[in-house]
N, C-alpha and C. Protein backbone atom coordinates (compact mmCIF):
# COMPACT_ATOMS: atom_id res chain seq x y z
N MET A 1 91.24 89.60 61.72
CA MET A 1 90.10 89.28 62.54
C MET A 1 88.97 90.27 62.24
N ASP A 2 87.76 89.82 62.47
CA ASP A 2 86.62 90.70 62.28
C ASP A 2 85.71 90.60 63.50
N GLU A 3 84.60 91.34 63.45
CA GLU A 3 83.69 91.34 64.60
C GLU A 3 83.16 89.95 64.92
N ALA A 4 82.91 89.15 63.90
CA ALA A 4 82.40 87.81 64.13
C ALA A 4 83.38 86.97 64.94
N ALA A 5 84.67 87.30 64.82
CA ALA A 5 85.68 86.56 65.56
C ALA A 5 85.97 87.21 66.91
N GLY A 6 85.20 88.23 67.27
CA GLY A 6 85.37 88.85 68.57
C GLY A 6 86.21 90.11 68.57
N GLU A 7 86.50 90.66 67.42
CA GLU A 7 87.32 91.86 67.35
C GLU A 7 86.54 92.97 66.68
N SER A 8 86.41 94.08 67.34
CA SER A 8 85.66 95.20 66.79
C SER A 8 86.52 95.97 65.79
N PRO A 9 85.88 96.78 64.95
CA PRO A 9 86.65 97.61 64.03
C PRO A 9 87.65 98.52 64.76
N ALA A 10 87.34 98.94 65.99
CA ALA A 10 88.25 99.80 66.74
C ALA A 10 89.58 99.11 67.02
N ALA A 11 89.58 97.79 67.13
CA ALA A 11 90.81 97.07 67.43
C ALA A 11 91.73 96.97 66.22
N THR A 12 91.22 97.25 65.03
CA THR A 12 92.05 97.11 63.85
C THR A 12 93.11 98.19 63.76
N GLY A 13 92.95 99.34 64.43
CA GLY A 13 93.96 100.38 64.45
C GLY A 13 95.02 100.18 65.52
N VAL A 14 94.97 99.05 66.18
CA VAL A 14 95.89 98.75 67.28
C VAL A 14 97.10 98.00 66.73
N GLN A 15 98.27 98.42 67.17
CA GLN A 15 99.51 97.73 66.82
C GLN A 15 100.00 96.96 68.05
N LEU A 16 100.34 95.70 67.86
CA LEU A 16 100.89 94.88 68.95
C LEU A 16 102.38 94.74 68.74
N ARG A 17 103.12 94.89 69.83
CA ARG A 17 104.57 94.65 69.78
C ARG A 17 105.11 94.40 71.17
N LEU A 18 106.26 93.73 71.20
CA LEU A 18 106.92 93.49 72.47
C LEU A 18 107.46 94.81 73.01
N LEU A 19 107.33 95.01 74.31
CA LEU A 19 107.83 96.23 74.92
C LEU A 19 109.35 96.20 75.01
N THR A 20 109.94 97.38 74.92
CA THR A 20 111.38 97.57 75.07
C THR A 20 111.62 98.51 76.25
N GLU A 21 112.87 98.73 76.58
CA GLU A 21 113.19 99.63 77.68
C GLU A 21 112.63 101.03 77.44
N HIS A 22 112.61 101.46 76.21
CA HIS A 22 112.07 102.78 75.85
C HIS A 22 110.60 102.91 76.27
N ASP A 23 109.88 101.78 76.33
CA ASP A 23 108.44 101.78 76.62
C ASP A 23 108.11 101.74 78.12
N LEU A 24 109.11 101.61 78.97
CA LEU A 24 108.85 101.43 80.39
C LEU A 24 108.08 102.58 81.04
N PRO A 25 108.33 103.85 80.70
CA PRO A 25 107.50 104.92 81.30
C PRO A 25 106.02 104.78 80.92
N ALA A 26 105.72 104.42 79.68
CA ALA A 26 104.33 104.22 79.27
C ALA A 26 103.72 103.02 79.99
N TYR A 27 104.49 101.96 80.15
CA TYR A 27 104.03 100.78 80.87
C TYR A 27 103.69 101.15 82.32
N LYS A 28 104.59 101.86 82.98
CA LYS A 28 104.36 102.25 84.37
C LYS A 28 103.12 103.14 84.48
N ALA A 29 102.95 104.07 83.56
CA ALA A 29 101.79 104.96 83.61
C ALA A 29 100.48 104.18 83.49
N LEU A 30 100.41 103.24 82.53
CA LEU A 30 99.21 102.43 82.38
C LEU A 30 98.98 101.56 83.60
N ARG A 31 100.04 100.94 84.08
CA ARG A 31 99.93 100.05 85.25
C ARG A 31 99.47 100.83 86.48
N ASP A 32 100.07 101.98 86.74
CA ASP A 32 99.68 102.78 87.90
C ASP A 32 98.21 103.17 87.83
N THR A 33 97.76 103.56 86.65
CA THR A 33 96.35 103.94 86.46
C THR A 33 95.43 102.77 86.72
N MET A 34 95.74 101.63 86.15
CA MET A 34 94.86 100.46 86.28
C MET A 34 94.85 99.93 87.71
N LEU A 35 95.99 99.93 88.39
CA LEU A 35 96.03 99.48 89.78
C LEU A 35 95.18 100.39 90.67
N ALA A 36 95.23 101.69 90.42
CA ALA A 36 94.45 102.63 91.22
C ALA A 36 92.95 102.49 90.96
N ARG A 37 92.57 102.24 89.72
CA ARG A 37 91.15 102.15 89.36
C ARG A 37 90.52 100.81 89.68
N HIS A 38 91.32 99.75 89.71
CA HIS A 38 90.78 98.39 89.81
C HIS A 38 91.51 97.59 90.89
N GLU A 39 91.42 98.07 92.11
CA GLU A 39 92.12 97.45 93.24
C GLU A 39 91.83 95.96 93.34
N HIS A 40 90.59 95.57 93.06
CA HIS A 40 90.17 94.18 93.20
C HIS A 40 90.76 93.24 92.14
N ALA A 41 91.30 93.80 91.06
CA ALA A 41 91.73 92.97 89.94
C ALA A 41 93.19 92.54 90.00
N PHE A 42 93.98 93.16 90.86
CA PHE A 42 95.42 92.91 90.86
C PHE A 42 95.91 92.56 92.25
N THR A 43 96.93 91.71 92.31
CA THR A 43 97.52 91.38 93.60
C THR A 43 98.48 92.46 94.08
N SER A 44 99.01 93.26 93.17
CA SER A 44 99.86 94.39 93.55
C SER A 44 98.98 95.55 94.00
N ASP A 45 99.51 96.37 94.92
CA ASP A 45 98.72 97.52 95.37
C ASP A 45 99.26 98.80 94.71
N ALA A 46 98.36 99.73 94.49
CA ALA A 46 98.67 100.96 93.76
C ALA A 46 99.73 101.80 94.45
N ASP A 47 99.66 101.95 95.76
CA ASP A 47 100.61 102.82 96.46
C ASP A 47 102.04 102.30 96.36
N THR A 48 102.22 101.01 96.57
CA THR A 48 103.57 100.43 96.47
C THR A 48 104.11 100.56 95.06
N GLU A 49 103.30 100.23 94.09
CA GLU A 49 103.76 100.26 92.70
C GLU A 49 104.01 101.68 92.20
N ARG A 50 103.21 102.63 92.65
CA ARG A 50 103.40 104.02 92.24
C ARG A 50 104.78 104.53 92.68
N ALA A 51 105.30 104.03 93.80
CA ALA A 51 106.60 104.46 94.31
C ALA A 51 107.78 103.87 93.53
N ARG A 52 107.54 102.87 92.72
CA ARG A 52 108.61 102.24 91.94
C ARG A 52 109.03 103.12 90.77
N GLU A 53 110.27 103.01 90.41
CA GLU A 53 110.79 103.66 89.20
C GLU A 53 110.37 102.84 87.99
N ALA A 54 110.17 103.51 86.87
CA ALA A 54 109.81 102.80 85.63
C ALA A 54 110.86 101.76 85.27
N ALA A 55 112.13 102.07 85.50
CA ALA A 55 113.21 101.15 85.14
C ALA A 55 113.14 99.84 85.92
N SER A 56 112.47 99.83 87.07
CA SER A 56 112.39 98.61 87.87
C SER A 56 111.57 97.52 87.17
N TYR A 57 110.80 97.90 86.16
CA TYR A 57 110.00 96.93 85.42
C TYR A 57 110.79 96.30 84.28
N ARG A 58 112.04 96.64 84.14
CA ARG A 58 112.89 96.09 83.07
C ARG A 58 112.87 94.56 83.08
N VAL A 59 112.80 93.95 84.26
CA VAL A 59 112.82 92.49 84.36
C VAL A 59 111.60 91.84 83.70
N ARG A 60 110.59 92.63 83.37
CA ARG A 60 109.40 92.09 82.72
C ARG A 60 109.53 92.03 81.20
N LEU A 61 110.64 92.51 80.66
CA LEU A 61 110.76 92.62 79.21
C LEU A 61 111.19 91.34 78.52
N HIS A 62 112.16 90.64 79.09
CA HIS A 62 112.70 89.43 78.46
C HIS A 62 113.60 88.70 79.46
N PRO A 63 113.90 87.43 79.21
CA PRO A 63 114.68 86.66 80.19
C PRO A 63 116.06 87.25 80.47
N GLN A 64 116.67 87.88 79.49
CA GLN A 64 118.01 88.43 79.66
C GLN A 64 118.02 89.63 80.60
N ALA A 65 116.85 90.16 80.95
CA ALA A 65 116.77 91.31 81.85
C ALA A 65 116.89 90.89 83.32
N GLY A 66 117.00 89.60 83.57
CA GLY A 66 117.26 89.14 84.92
C GLY A 66 116.07 88.61 85.70
N GLY A 67 114.88 88.62 85.12
CA GLY A 67 113.71 88.12 85.82
C GLY A 67 113.22 86.81 85.23
N LYS A 68 111.99 86.47 85.55
CA LYS A 68 111.38 85.25 85.04
C LYS A 68 110.55 85.51 83.78
N SER A 69 110.45 86.76 83.37
CA SER A 69 109.57 87.10 82.27
C SER A 69 110.13 86.67 80.92
N LEU A 70 109.25 86.11 80.12
CA LEU A 70 109.59 85.80 78.74
C LEU A 70 109.43 87.05 77.88
N PHE A 71 108.33 87.78 78.14
CA PHE A 71 108.06 89.01 77.38
C PHE A 71 106.90 89.75 78.01
N THR A 72 106.82 91.03 77.64
CA THR A 72 105.63 91.83 77.89
C THR A 72 105.19 92.36 76.54
N LEU A 73 103.96 92.07 76.20
CA LEU A 73 103.38 92.44 74.91
C LEU A 73 102.49 93.65 75.13
N GLY A 74 102.62 94.64 74.26
CA GLY A 74 101.83 95.84 74.39
C GLY A 74 100.93 96.08 73.20
N ALA A 75 99.80 96.74 73.45
CA ALA A 75 98.87 97.16 72.41
C ALA A 75 98.93 98.69 72.35
N TRP A 76 99.22 99.21 71.18
CA TRP A 76 99.41 100.64 70.99
C TRP A 76 98.39 101.19 70.01
N ILE A 77 97.86 102.35 70.32
CA ILE A 77 97.09 103.13 69.35
C ILE A 77 97.89 104.41 69.18
N ASP A 78 98.41 104.60 67.98
CA ASP A 78 99.36 105.68 67.71
C ASP A 78 100.51 105.55 68.70
N ASP A 79 100.76 106.57 69.53
CA ASP A 79 101.86 106.52 70.49
C ASP A 79 101.40 106.22 71.91
N THR A 80 100.17 105.74 72.05
CA THR A 80 99.61 105.50 73.38
C THR A 80 99.49 104.01 73.66
N LEU A 81 100.08 103.59 74.76
CA LEU A 81 99.97 102.21 75.22
C LEU A 81 98.60 102.04 75.86
N VAL A 82 97.77 101.15 75.30
CA VAL A 82 96.40 100.97 75.80
C VAL A 82 96.16 99.59 76.41
N GLY A 83 97.11 98.68 76.28
CA GLY A 83 96.95 97.36 76.85
C GLY A 83 98.27 96.62 76.93
N VAL A 84 98.40 95.73 77.91
CA VAL A 84 99.62 94.93 78.07
C VAL A 84 99.28 93.58 78.69
N LEU A 85 100.18 92.66 78.51
CA LEU A 85 100.19 91.43 79.28
C LEU A 85 101.62 90.94 79.35
N THR A 86 101.94 90.27 80.44
CA THR A 86 103.28 89.73 80.65
C THR A 86 103.18 88.22 80.79
N CYS A 87 104.14 87.53 80.22
CA CYS A 87 104.23 86.08 80.38
C CYS A 87 105.54 85.76 81.08
N GLU A 88 105.43 84.98 82.14
CA GLU A 88 106.59 84.54 82.90
C GLU A 88 106.80 83.05 82.71
N HIS A 89 108.04 82.63 82.93
CA HIS A 89 108.44 81.24 82.74
C HIS A 89 109.08 80.74 84.02
N GLU A 90 108.79 79.52 84.36
CA GLU A 90 109.44 78.89 85.51
C GLU A 90 110.83 78.43 85.09
N ASN A 91 111.83 78.67 85.93
CA ASN A 91 113.20 78.27 85.61
C ASN A 91 113.62 76.97 86.29
N ARG A 92 112.91 76.58 87.35
CA ARG A 92 113.29 75.34 88.04
C ARG A 92 113.02 74.14 87.14
N GLN A 93 113.89 73.19 87.17
CA GLN A 93 113.87 72.06 86.24
C GLN A 93 112.53 71.34 86.17
N LYS A 94 111.94 71.04 87.30
CA LYS A 94 110.71 70.24 87.33
C LYS A 94 109.48 70.99 86.83
N VAL A 95 109.56 72.30 86.75
CA VAL A 95 108.39 73.09 86.32
C VAL A 95 108.72 74.00 85.14
N ARG A 96 109.75 73.68 84.42
CA ARG A 96 110.14 74.50 83.26
C ARG A 96 109.11 74.46 82.14
N HIS A 97 108.20 73.53 82.19
CA HIS A 97 107.18 73.41 81.16
C HIS A 97 106.00 74.37 81.40
N LEU A 98 106.03 75.10 82.52
CA LEU A 98 104.94 75.99 82.89
C LEU A 98 105.28 77.45 82.57
N ALA A 99 104.28 78.18 82.11
CA ALA A 99 104.38 79.63 81.95
C ALA A 99 103.16 80.24 82.62
N HIS A 100 103.26 81.51 82.96
CA HIS A 100 102.19 82.19 83.68
C HIS A 100 101.89 83.52 83.01
N LEU A 101 100.63 83.76 82.78
CA LEU A 101 100.18 85.05 82.27
C LEU A 101 99.89 85.93 83.49
N ILE A 102 100.54 87.09 83.55
CA ILE A 102 100.34 87.98 84.69
C ILE A 102 100.07 89.40 84.18
N GLY A 103 99.40 90.18 84.99
CA GLY A 103 99.27 91.60 84.72
C GLY A 103 98.62 91.98 83.41
N MET A 104 97.62 91.25 82.98
CA MET A 104 96.93 91.64 81.75
C MET A 104 96.00 92.79 82.07
N MET A 105 96.07 93.83 81.24
CA MET A 105 95.21 94.99 81.46
C MET A 105 94.99 95.74 80.15
N VAL A 106 93.78 96.27 80.01
CA VAL A 106 93.43 97.14 78.89
C VAL A 106 92.81 98.39 79.49
N ASP A 107 93.29 99.55 79.05
CA ASP A 107 92.79 100.82 79.55
C ASP A 107 91.27 100.86 79.46
N ASP A 108 90.64 101.44 80.48
CA ASP A 108 89.18 101.47 80.57
C ASP A 108 88.52 101.99 79.30
N GLY A 109 89.07 103.03 78.71
CA GLY A 109 88.46 103.63 77.53
C GLY A 109 88.57 102.79 76.27
N HIS A 110 89.34 101.71 76.33
CA HIS A 110 89.53 100.85 75.16
C HIS A 110 89.04 99.42 75.38
N GLN A 111 88.41 99.18 76.53
CA GLN A 111 87.88 97.84 76.79
C GLN A 111 86.65 97.58 75.94
N GLY A 112 86.43 96.32 75.62
CA GLY A 112 85.25 95.94 74.85
C GLY A 112 85.43 96.06 73.35
N HIS A 113 86.66 96.30 72.91
CA HIS A 113 86.92 96.47 71.47
C HIS A 113 87.81 95.36 70.90
N GLY A 114 88.04 94.30 71.66
CA GLY A 114 88.82 93.18 71.15
C GLY A 114 90.31 93.28 71.37
N ILE A 115 90.77 94.32 72.06
CA ILE A 115 92.20 94.50 72.27
C ILE A 115 92.76 93.39 73.17
N GLY A 116 92.05 93.07 74.25
CA GLY A 116 92.49 91.99 75.13
C GLY A 116 92.59 90.67 74.40
N GLY A 117 91.62 90.40 73.54
CA GLY A 117 91.66 89.17 72.75
C GLY A 117 92.84 89.12 71.81
N ARG A 118 93.14 90.23 71.18
CA ARG A 118 94.31 90.29 70.29
C ARG A 118 95.60 90.06 71.06
N LEU A 119 95.73 90.72 72.21
CA LEU A 119 96.92 90.52 73.03
C LEU A 119 97.06 89.06 73.42
N LEU A 120 95.98 88.47 73.86
CA LEU A 120 96.01 87.09 74.31
C LEU A 120 96.35 86.13 73.18
N ARG A 121 95.73 86.28 72.03
CA ARG A 121 96.02 85.39 70.90
C ARG A 121 97.47 85.52 70.43
N GLN A 122 98.00 86.75 70.41
CA GLN A 122 99.40 86.93 70.01
C GLN A 122 100.33 86.31 71.04
N ALA A 123 100.04 86.48 72.31
CA ALA A 123 100.86 85.86 73.35
C ALA A 123 100.86 84.34 73.22
N LEU A 124 99.69 83.77 72.96
CA LEU A 124 99.62 82.31 72.79
C LEU A 124 100.44 81.86 71.59
N ALA A 125 100.40 82.60 70.51
CA ALA A 125 101.21 82.25 69.33
C ALA A 125 102.70 82.27 69.68
N LEU A 126 103.14 83.27 70.43
CA LEU A 126 104.54 83.35 70.83
C LEU A 126 104.91 82.20 71.77
N LEU A 127 104.06 81.90 72.73
CA LEU A 127 104.34 80.85 73.69
C LEU A 127 104.37 79.47 73.03
N ARG A 128 103.52 79.26 72.05
CA ARG A 128 103.49 77.95 71.38
C ARG A 128 104.73 77.70 70.54
N ARG A 129 105.52 78.70 70.29
CA ARG A 129 106.79 78.54 69.56
C ARG A 129 107.92 78.06 70.48
N GLU A 130 107.67 78.11 71.79
CA GLU A 130 108.68 77.70 72.77
C GLU A 130 108.56 76.20 73.01
N PRO A 131 109.52 75.40 72.56
CA PRO A 131 109.37 73.95 72.63
C PRO A 131 109.26 73.37 74.04
N LEU A 132 109.79 74.03 75.04
CA LEU A 132 109.72 73.51 76.41
C LEU A 132 108.38 73.75 77.08
N LEU A 133 107.62 74.73 76.59
CA LEU A 133 106.39 75.11 77.28
C LEU A 133 105.23 74.20 76.91
N GLU A 134 104.48 73.80 77.93
CA GLU A 134 103.32 72.94 77.73
C GLU A 134 102.04 73.52 78.31
N THR A 135 102.15 74.25 79.41
CA THR A 135 100.96 74.73 80.12
C THR A 135 101.12 76.20 80.46
N LEU A 136 100.02 76.95 80.28
CA LEU A 136 99.96 78.35 80.66
C LEU A 136 98.91 78.51 81.75
N THR A 137 99.26 79.21 82.83
CA THR A 137 98.33 79.43 83.92
C THR A 137 98.06 80.93 84.10
N LEU A 138 96.99 81.22 84.82
CA LEU A 138 96.69 82.60 85.20
C LEU A 138 95.75 82.56 86.39
N SER A 139 95.63 83.69 87.05
CA SER A 139 94.59 83.85 88.05
C SER A 139 93.79 85.08 87.66
N VAL A 140 92.49 85.02 87.92
CA VAL A 140 91.58 86.11 87.58
C VAL A 140 90.62 86.29 88.75
N THR A 141 90.29 87.53 89.05
CA THR A 141 89.37 87.79 90.14
C THR A 141 88.03 87.11 89.86
N ALA A 142 87.59 86.28 90.80
CA ALA A 142 86.31 85.60 90.66
C ALA A 142 85.22 86.65 90.47
N GLY A 143 84.34 86.40 89.53
CA GLY A 143 83.27 87.34 89.25
C GLY A 143 83.58 88.30 88.12
N ASN A 144 84.82 88.35 87.65
CA ASN A 144 85.17 89.20 86.51
C ASN A 144 84.77 88.45 85.24
N GLU A 145 83.46 88.47 84.97
CA GLU A 145 82.89 87.63 83.93
C GLU A 145 83.45 87.94 82.53
N ALA A 146 83.72 89.21 82.24
CA ALA A 146 84.25 89.56 80.91
C ALA A 146 85.63 88.91 80.70
N ALA A 147 86.49 89.02 81.70
CA ALA A 147 87.82 88.42 81.58
C ALA A 147 87.74 86.90 81.53
N ILE A 148 86.91 86.32 82.38
CA ILE A 148 86.78 84.86 82.40
C ILE A 148 86.26 84.36 81.06
N ALA A 149 85.29 85.05 80.49
CA ALA A 149 84.75 84.66 79.18
C ALA A 149 85.84 84.73 78.10
N LEU A 150 86.65 85.77 78.14
CA LEU A 150 87.76 85.89 77.17
C LEU A 150 88.71 84.71 77.31
N TYR A 151 89.10 84.40 78.53
CA TYR A 151 90.03 83.29 78.74
C TYR A 151 89.42 81.96 78.29
N ARG A 152 88.15 81.77 78.55
CA ARG A 152 87.50 80.53 78.11
C ARG A 152 87.44 80.44 76.59
N ARG A 153 87.20 81.56 75.92
CA ARG A 153 87.12 81.56 74.44
C ARG A 153 88.40 81.04 73.80
N VAL A 154 89.54 81.31 74.42
CA VAL A 154 90.79 80.84 73.83
C VAL A 154 91.23 79.49 74.37
N GLY A 155 90.43 78.90 75.26
CA GLY A 155 90.71 77.53 75.69
C GLY A 155 91.10 77.32 77.14
N PHE A 156 91.16 78.36 77.95
CA PHE A 156 91.47 78.19 79.37
C PHE A 156 90.31 77.49 80.07
N THR A 157 90.66 76.68 81.06
CA THR A 157 89.67 76.05 81.92
C THR A 157 90.04 76.34 83.38
N ARG A 158 89.03 76.39 84.21
CA ARG A 158 89.26 76.63 85.64
C ARG A 158 89.71 75.35 86.31
N TYR A 159 90.79 75.43 87.07
CA TYR A 159 91.25 74.26 87.82
C TYR A 159 91.22 74.49 89.33
N GLY A 160 90.88 75.70 89.73
CA GLY A 160 90.83 75.95 91.16
C GLY A 160 90.21 77.29 91.49
N HIS A 161 89.94 77.45 92.76
CA HIS A 161 89.33 78.68 93.28
C HIS A 161 89.97 78.96 94.63
N LEU A 162 90.52 80.16 94.79
CA LEU A 162 91.19 80.52 96.03
C LEU A 162 90.39 81.62 96.73
N PRO A 163 89.60 81.24 97.73
CA PRO A 163 88.86 82.25 98.50
C PRO A 163 89.84 83.17 99.23
N ARG A 164 89.45 84.39 99.44
CA ARG A 164 90.26 85.34 100.20
C ARG A 164 91.68 85.44 99.63
N ALA A 165 91.79 85.43 98.33
CA ALA A 165 93.10 85.47 97.68
C ALA A 165 93.81 86.81 97.87
N ILE A 166 93.05 87.89 97.84
CA ILE A 166 93.65 89.21 98.08
C ILE A 166 92.79 89.98 99.08
N ARG A 167 93.48 90.79 99.86
CA ARG A 167 92.80 91.62 100.86
C ARG A 167 92.93 93.07 100.43
N LEU A 168 91.80 93.73 100.25
CA LEU A 168 91.77 95.12 99.81
C LEU A 168 92.05 96.06 100.97
N ALA A 169 92.32 97.30 100.65
CA ALA A 169 92.68 98.30 101.66
C ALA A 169 91.60 98.46 102.72
N ASP A 170 90.35 98.27 102.34
CA ASP A 170 89.25 98.44 103.30
C ASP A 170 88.95 97.17 104.09
N GLY A 171 89.77 96.13 103.91
CA GLY A 171 89.60 94.89 104.66
C GLY A 171 88.77 93.83 103.97
N ARG A 172 88.10 94.18 102.87
CA ARG A 172 87.34 93.17 102.12
C ARG A 172 88.31 92.23 101.41
N TYR A 173 87.83 91.02 101.14
CA TYR A 173 88.62 90.03 100.43
C TYR A 173 88.01 89.76 99.06
N CYS A 174 88.86 89.37 98.12
CA CYS A 174 88.42 88.92 96.80
C CYS A 174 89.00 87.54 96.55
N ALA A 175 88.19 86.70 95.94
CA ALA A 175 88.64 85.37 95.56
C ALA A 175 89.26 85.41 94.16
N LYS A 176 90.09 84.45 93.87
CA LYS A 176 90.68 84.32 92.54
C LYS A 176 90.33 82.95 91.98
N ASP A 177 89.97 82.93 90.70
CA ASP A 177 89.83 81.67 89.98
C ASP A 177 91.17 81.38 89.32
N LEU A 178 91.59 80.14 89.37
CA LEU A 178 92.84 79.70 88.78
C LEU A 178 92.51 78.95 87.50
N MET A 179 93.18 79.34 86.40
CA MET A 179 92.86 78.77 85.10
C MET A 179 94.14 78.30 84.42
N SER A 180 93.99 77.32 83.54
CA SER A 180 95.15 76.83 82.78
C SER A 180 94.72 76.51 81.36
N LEU A 181 95.73 76.45 80.50
CA LEU A 181 95.54 76.14 79.08
C LEU A 181 96.67 75.25 78.62
N ASP A 182 96.35 74.20 77.88
CA ASP A 182 97.35 73.31 77.31
C ASP A 182 97.87 73.95 76.04
N LEU A 183 99.13 74.37 76.03
CA LEU A 183 99.71 75.05 74.87
C LEU A 183 99.96 74.11 73.70
N ARG A 184 99.91 72.83 73.94
CA ARG A 184 100.14 71.85 72.86
C ARG A 184 98.88 71.52 72.11
N ALA A 185 97.72 71.91 72.65
CA ALA A 185 96.45 71.58 72.01
C ALA A 185 96.18 72.46 70.81
């Protein structure tokens, strides 16, 4: 990819790979930082998540870990985890064709360099290899124009809007836009 395709030269030094158990402390550190800095962007709260052990995120690594997660994909610069996203799969028979993108985040110092786009495109490539999957969904804080633009560039469309989706510590509410993408397209 090049800048014309939405990826800056800074993103070319980034390595993408699926997270393993060894990576859980780095995952927790990035997640804790992002939850604390961007309360409005996540449904999880920083205080609750900070109290969790890194090992508790094992269920986000792969289906065999006991959760709904298909994988968590990480973006690394040298030995530093700078971005992640998790994809979950529905196990119930009637909705097994659905997957959900959750917890996408790129460290503040690395935003705007195409890392989120690389993570998203790689995740879509992995999901499209799964024959049962047809639709990918996500929720994004309404007004997060950079994230919404990224999702639209890869084909997501808005199918709903949930006012007062999350309540912040100070009592303010944030709405979420609900988006989906046809993985067969």
